[in-house]
Structures are given as C-alpha cells and as structure tokens.
Amino acid sequence: MTNQNIEIKINSKKILFSLLGVIIILVGLSIWGQKIRFFGVADIRGPWHEFLMDQLMQNFFMDAEGNIPTFTNALLLFIPSQILLLISLWKFSVNDKFRFHWIGLSLIFLFLAIDESTVLHEQLIKPMRAIADAKGFFYFTWVIPGAVAVGLFGLVYLLFFLHLDKKFKWLFFISLGVYIGGVIGGEMISGYYASALGLKNFKYAIVASVEESVEMIGCSLIIYSLLEYIKHYLPEGMRIKSI
C-alpha cells in the first residue's frame, strides 16, 4: 500500500462571488415581495400564483425571522466558526501564542450563528427599553449592549490583530468592519426609519433589506479572508492523506 496526497483546491474568489450573487438575489426577492405586500398586484392568476406571492412576502423578507434569509445568514456565520475551528486545531498543535484567540473567534461565530437563528439579540429590546426609552438611531435598543460588546472585543483582540501580517490586517479589518457596520450601524439606521415611519411601510422594508444584506456581505468577506489565510499559512492542511 502506498501513501498518496489528495490536494483539495479552493478558489476563494469564486466562493466569494458566488455568495455575493446569492445575497443580491435574496435582496431583490425581499424588496419585490414587500412591494407586492404594500402595493399589491394587478390580479391573482390562480392558487399557485397566490402561493408564490405569499412566499415572496413572507419567506424572503430579510427583516423577518425563521425564513430563508435567516437560515442563509445563520449558515454564513456557522461556516466561519468551522473554518476558525480548523485553524484553532492547527494553532494548538504548534502551541501558537494566540491559539486561545483563534478558538475564541470560533466560539464567537458559533454563538452569532445560534443567535441569528433564535433571535436572541432582539429579545433584549424590551428589557433595554425599560432602562433607556431610546428613539431614533437607538430605537432598536439591543444595539447599546451590542456596541459595548464590540468595544470589549476590540480590546481583547487588539494584540491579536496587531500580530497579523499586513495583508491579513487589511482583510480582517475590512471584512469585520463591513459585518459590524451592518450589524450595529445598519441596525441603527433601520431603527431611525422604524422610529420615524413605523415598521409597516415599503421604505422601511427597503432599508431593512439592504441593512441585512450588508451583514451577509460582511460574513462572505470574512469567509473569503479565512480561506485566504488557510491557503497562505496551512498548505499541508489543504491535503488529505489516504493510505
């Protein structure tokens, strides 16, 4: 019997563009469905047509929960957690100084995936409103503890970030910046419109759909950055040895 290395090739750019394509389609379907919800259609041509219109309005709205965009977003967060787990195992095997930071990132993204699928963060809105009856940009009050958590994350991971090579400093900074900008900044913009116009109107639906898409774009960039990191630092990790 002979040893044979089977190389797994990953085209991170193709993966990124494929994910971005899926996101664009989801945004388009979300806005289309909400246009139907608020402005209706000329006529309903049978039960199947009505069924499809209902799916667009309910199962593709990016600001709703428990539907296709929610599942997609949770999956986009779960994938980095598993890539980070792979990196963590390698870092522990070589006793890397920042091995606990890597496993911490894996656990953070796993929590975010669970949070996205169970809507834990939105359950903070009511208790936070009891403390701070915020309006405008802080209408969705969970962004207040969310911003504090981001600040703590920055402090804990500052040295980790500084030790990265220049290329990955930029990749991780941009990808995490887009994701956090969508999660916190985008939610604040949505909150401003929700506070001023309410939740049940087409303008808010557009803003919310775009805001959710920025989160997904950030996740896609994170996946791309991690795949680039693996390709650069773990060439042996991309091979499977069969006997």
Foldseek 3Di string as FASTA:
>chain_A
DDKDKDFDDDDLVVLLVVLLVVLVVLLVLQLVLLCCVAVNDPDQDDDVSVVVSVCSVAQRQCVDADHDNLLLLLVLLLVLLVLLVLVLVVCVVVVPPCSVVSNVSSVVSNVVSVCSNVVPLQVVQVVQCVVPVDAQLCQSVSLVVVVVVVVVVCVVCVVVLVVDDPVLNVLLCVLVVQQVCLVNVLSSNLRNCCRVPNCRDSVSSSSSSVSSSSNSSSSSSSSSSSVVVCVVPPSVSSIDMDD
